[in-house]
Amino acid sequence: MPVQVEAQITGNVWKIEKAVGDEVAEEEVILILESMKMEIPVEAPCAGRVAEIRVAEGDSVEEGAVLAVIE
């Protein structure tokens, strides 16, 4: 069952660490958000494979926005 990875805070996508198809472990960093000059790592909530990345570096995102999907 796919698991959505959501933004915990409003900010900008600073760096994407993983690509579609990559295997990830639980709590592994998928991407990094920047907000108020702070870097906030976004971690995988579970182990699996990255099925989708729904943002690009530089995108602005709102809290709760779906950033990626893990299968």
N, C-alpha and C. Protein backbone atom coordinates (compact mmCIF):
# COMPACT_ATOMS: atom_id res chain seq x y z
N MET A 1 0.84 -1.18 0.00
CA MET A 1 0.00 0.00 0.00
C MET A 1 0.89 1.25 0.00
N PRO A 2 0.70 2.16 -0.94
CA PRO A 2 1.53 3.37 -1.02
C PRO A 2 1.38 4.25 0.21
N VAL A 3 2.48 4.86 0.61
CA VAL A 3 2.51 5.78 1.75
C VAL A 3 2.94 7.15 1.23
N GLN A 4 2.15 8.18 1.54
CA GLN A 4 2.49 9.53 1.11
C GLN A 4 3.43 10.18 2.11
N VAL A 5 4.41 10.89 1.60
CA VAL A 5 5.35 11.64 2.42
C VAL A 5 4.94 13.10 2.31
N GLU A 6 4.57 13.71 3.45
CA GLU A 6 4.04 15.08 3.44
C GLU A 6 5.02 16.06 4.06
N ALA A 7 4.89 17.32 3.65
CA ALA A 7 5.70 18.41 4.21
C ALA A 7 5.23 18.69 5.64
N GLN A 8 6.17 18.78 6.56
CA GLN A 8 5.83 19.09 7.95
C GLN A 8 5.72 20.59 8.19
N ILE A 9 6.19 21.36 7.21
CA ILE A 9 6.27 22.81 7.37
C ILE A 9 6.19 23.46 5.98
N THR A 10 5.74 24.69 5.94
CA THR A 10 5.75 25.45 4.69
C THR A 10 7.18 25.88 4.41
N GLY A 11 7.61 25.73 3.16
CA GLY A 11 8.98 26.12 2.82
C GLY A 11 9.28 25.86 1.36
N ASN A 12 10.56 25.79 1.04
CA ASN A 12 11.02 25.54 -0.31
C ASN A 12 11.80 24.23 -0.35
N VAL A 13 11.66 23.50 -1.45
CA VAL A 13 12.43 22.28 -1.62
C VAL A 13 13.86 22.70 -1.94
N TRP A 14 14.77 22.42 -1.01
CA TRP A 14 16.15 22.85 -1.17
C TRP A 14 16.97 21.81 -1.93
N LYS A 15 16.81 20.51 -1.55
CA LYS A 15 17.58 19.46 -2.21
C LYS A 15 16.82 18.14 -2.18
N ILE A 16 16.79 17.45 -3.31
CA ILE A 16 16.17 16.13 -3.38
C ILE A 16 17.30 15.10 -3.31
N GLU A 17 17.22 14.24 -2.29
CA GLU A 17 18.28 13.26 -2.02
C GLU A 17 18.06 11.93 -2.74
N LYS A 18 16.81 11.57 -3.03
CA LYS A 18 16.48 10.27 -3.62
C LYS A 18 15.76 10.46 -4.95
N ALA A 19 15.78 9.42 -5.77
CA ALA A 19 15.12 9.45 -7.07
C ALA A 19 14.06 8.35 -7.13
N VAL A 20 13.15 8.47 -8.08
CA VAL A 20 12.14 7.43 -8.30
C VAL A 20 12.86 6.12 -8.56
N GLY A 21 12.42 5.07 -7.88
CA GLY A 21 13.03 3.76 -8.02
C GLY A 21 14.03 3.43 -6.93
N ASP A 22 14.51 4.44 -6.21
CA ASP A 22 15.47 4.19 -5.13
C ASP A 22 14.81 3.47 -3.96
N GLU A 23 15.54 2.55 -3.35
CA GLU A 23 15.09 1.90 -2.12
C GLU A 23 15.47 2.81 -0.96
N VAL A 24 14.57 2.92 0.04
CA VAL A 24 14.83 3.74 1.22
C VAL A 24 14.53 2.94 2.48
N ALA A 25 15.27 3.23 3.52
CA ALA A 25 15.03 2.65 4.83
C ALA A 25 14.14 3.61 5.63
N GLU A 26 13.45 3.10 6.61
CA GLU A 26 12.66 3.95 7.48
C GLU A 26 13.57 5.01 8.10
N GLU A 27 13.12 6.26 8.09
CA GLU A 27 13.82 7.43 8.63
C GLU A 27 15.00 7.89 7.78
N GLU A 28 15.17 7.33 6.58
CA GLU A 28 16.21 7.82 5.66
C GLU A 28 15.72 9.12 5.02
N VAL A 29 16.61 10.08 4.85
CA VAL A 29 16.24 11.38 4.29
C VAL A 29 15.93 11.25 2.80
N ILE A 30 14.76 11.75 2.42
CA ILE A 30 14.33 11.74 1.02
C ILE A 30 14.64 13.09 0.37
N LEU A 31 14.35 14.16 1.09
CA LEU A 31 14.64 15.50 0.57
C LEU A 31 14.79 16.46 1.73
N ILE A 32 15.24 17.66 1.41
CA ILE A 32 15.46 18.67 2.44
C ILE A 32 14.66 19.92 2.07
N LEU A 33 13.87 20.40 3.04
CA LEU A 33 13.13 21.64 2.88
C LEU A 33 13.92 22.76 3.55
N GLU A 34 13.74 23.97 3.04
CA GLU A 34 14.35 25.16 3.64
C GLU A 34 13.23 26.09 4.04
N SER A 35 13.26 26.53 5.30
CA SER A 35 12.26 27.46 5.79
C SER A 35 12.92 28.37 6.82
N MET A 36 12.78 29.65 6.64
CA MET A 36 13.36 30.64 7.55
C MET A 36 14.86 30.39 7.76
N LYS A 37 15.56 30.08 6.67
CA LYS A 37 17.00 29.84 6.65
C LYS A 37 17.42 28.62 7.46
N MET A 38 16.48 27.72 7.72
CA MET A 38 16.78 26.46 8.41
C MET A 38 16.54 25.32 7.43
N GLU A 39 17.37 24.30 7.49
CA GLU A 39 17.20 23.11 6.66
C GLU A 39 16.46 22.05 7.47
N ILE A 40 15.36 21.54 6.91
CA ILE A 40 14.54 20.55 7.58
C ILE A 40 14.54 19.26 6.76
N PRO A 41 15.18 18.20 7.25
CA PRO A 41 15.18 16.94 6.50
C PRO A 41 13.79 16.29 6.55
N VAL A 42 13.37 15.76 5.41
CA VAL A 42 12.10 15.01 5.33
C VAL A 42 12.48 13.54 5.20
N GLU A 43 12.06 12.75 6.18
CA GLU A 43 12.46 11.35 6.25
C GLU A 43 11.35 10.42 5.77
N ALA A 44 11.75 9.25 5.30
CA ALA A 44 10.79 8.22 4.90
C ALA A 44 10.09 7.69 6.15
N PRO A 45 8.75 7.64 6.14
CA PRO A 45 8.03 7.12 7.31
C PRO A 45 8.09 5.60 7.41
N CYS A 46 8.55 4.94 6.33
CA CYS A 46 8.66 3.49 6.30
C CYS A 46 9.70 3.09 5.26
N ALA A 47 10.12 1.85 5.31
CA ALA A 47 11.04 1.34 4.30
C ALA A 47 10.25 1.01 3.04
N GLY A 48 10.90 1.10 1.89
CA GLY A 48 10.24 0.77 0.63
C GLY A 48 10.99 1.34 -0.56
N ARG A 49 10.25 1.52 -1.65
CA ARG A 49 10.82 2.06 -2.89
C ARG A 49 10.12 3.37 -3.20
N VAL A 50 10.89 4.37 -3.61
CA VAL A 50 10.31 5.66 -3.99
C VAL A 50 9.56 5.47 -5.31
N ALA A 51 8.24 5.62 -5.25
CA ALA A 51 7.40 5.44 -6.43
C ALA A 51 7.19 6.75 -7.17
N GLU A 52 7.13 7.86 -6.43
CA GLU A 52 6.90 9.18 -7.04
C GLU A 52 7.64 10.24 -6.24
N ILE A 53 8.14 11.24 -6.94
CA ILE A 53 8.61 12.48 -6.33
C ILE A 53 7.74 13.55 -6.98
N ARG A 54 6.94 14.24 -6.19
CA ARG A 54 5.96 15.17 -6.75
C ARG A 54 6.41 16.63 -6.73
N VAL A 55 7.66 16.88 -6.38
CA VAL A 55 8.18 18.24 -6.33
C VAL A 55 9.53 18.29 -7.04
N ALA A 56 9.98 19.50 -7.29
CA ALA A 56 11.31 19.72 -7.88
C ALA A 56 12.08 20.67 -6.97
N GLU A 57 13.40 20.64 -7.06
CA GLU A 57 14.21 21.57 -6.28
C GLU A 57 13.79 22.99 -6.64
N GLY A 58 13.61 23.81 -5.60
CA GLY A 58 13.19 25.20 -5.79
C GLY A 58 11.69 25.43 -5.64
N ASP A 59 10.90 24.34 -5.67
CA ASP A 59 9.45 24.48 -5.51
C ASP A 59 9.11 24.98 -4.12
N SER A 60 8.07 25.80 -4.03
CA SER A 60 7.50 26.20 -2.75
C SER A 60 6.39 25.22 -2.40
N VAL A 61 6.34 24.79 -1.14
CA VAL A 61 5.32 23.85 -0.71
C VAL A 61 4.66 24.33 0.58
N GLU A 62 3.40 23.95 0.73
CA GLU A 62 2.66 24.27 1.94
C GLU A 62 2.73 23.08 2.90
N GLU A 63 2.55 23.34 4.17
CA GLU A 63 2.48 22.28 5.16
C GLU A 63 1.39 21.29 4.75
N GLY A 64 1.69 20.01 4.80
CA GLY A 64 0.73 18.98 4.43
C GLY A 64 0.76 18.57 2.97
N ALA A 65 1.50 19.29 2.13
CA ALA A 65 1.60 18.94 0.72
C ALA A 65 2.30 17.58 0.56
N VAL A 66 1.82 16.78 -0.39
CA VAL A 66 2.45 15.49 -0.65
C VAL A 66 3.70 15.72 -1.49
N LEU A 67 4.84 15.29 -0.96
CA LEU A 67 6.13 15.49 -1.61
C LEU A 67 6.58 14.27 -2.40
N ALA A 68 6.26 13.09 -1.87
CA ALA A 68 6.70 11.84 -2.48
C ALA A 68 5.76 10.73 -2.07
N VAL A 69 5.87 9.60 -2.78
CA VAL A 69 5.10 8.40 -2.44
C VAL A 69 6.06 7.23 -2.38
N ILE A 70 5.91 6.42 -1.31
CA ILE A 70 6.74 5.24 -1.12
C ILE A 70 5.85 4.01 -1.21
N GLU A 71 6.32 3.01 -1.95
CA GLU A 71 5.57 1.74 -2.05
C GLU A 71 6.34 0.65 -1.35
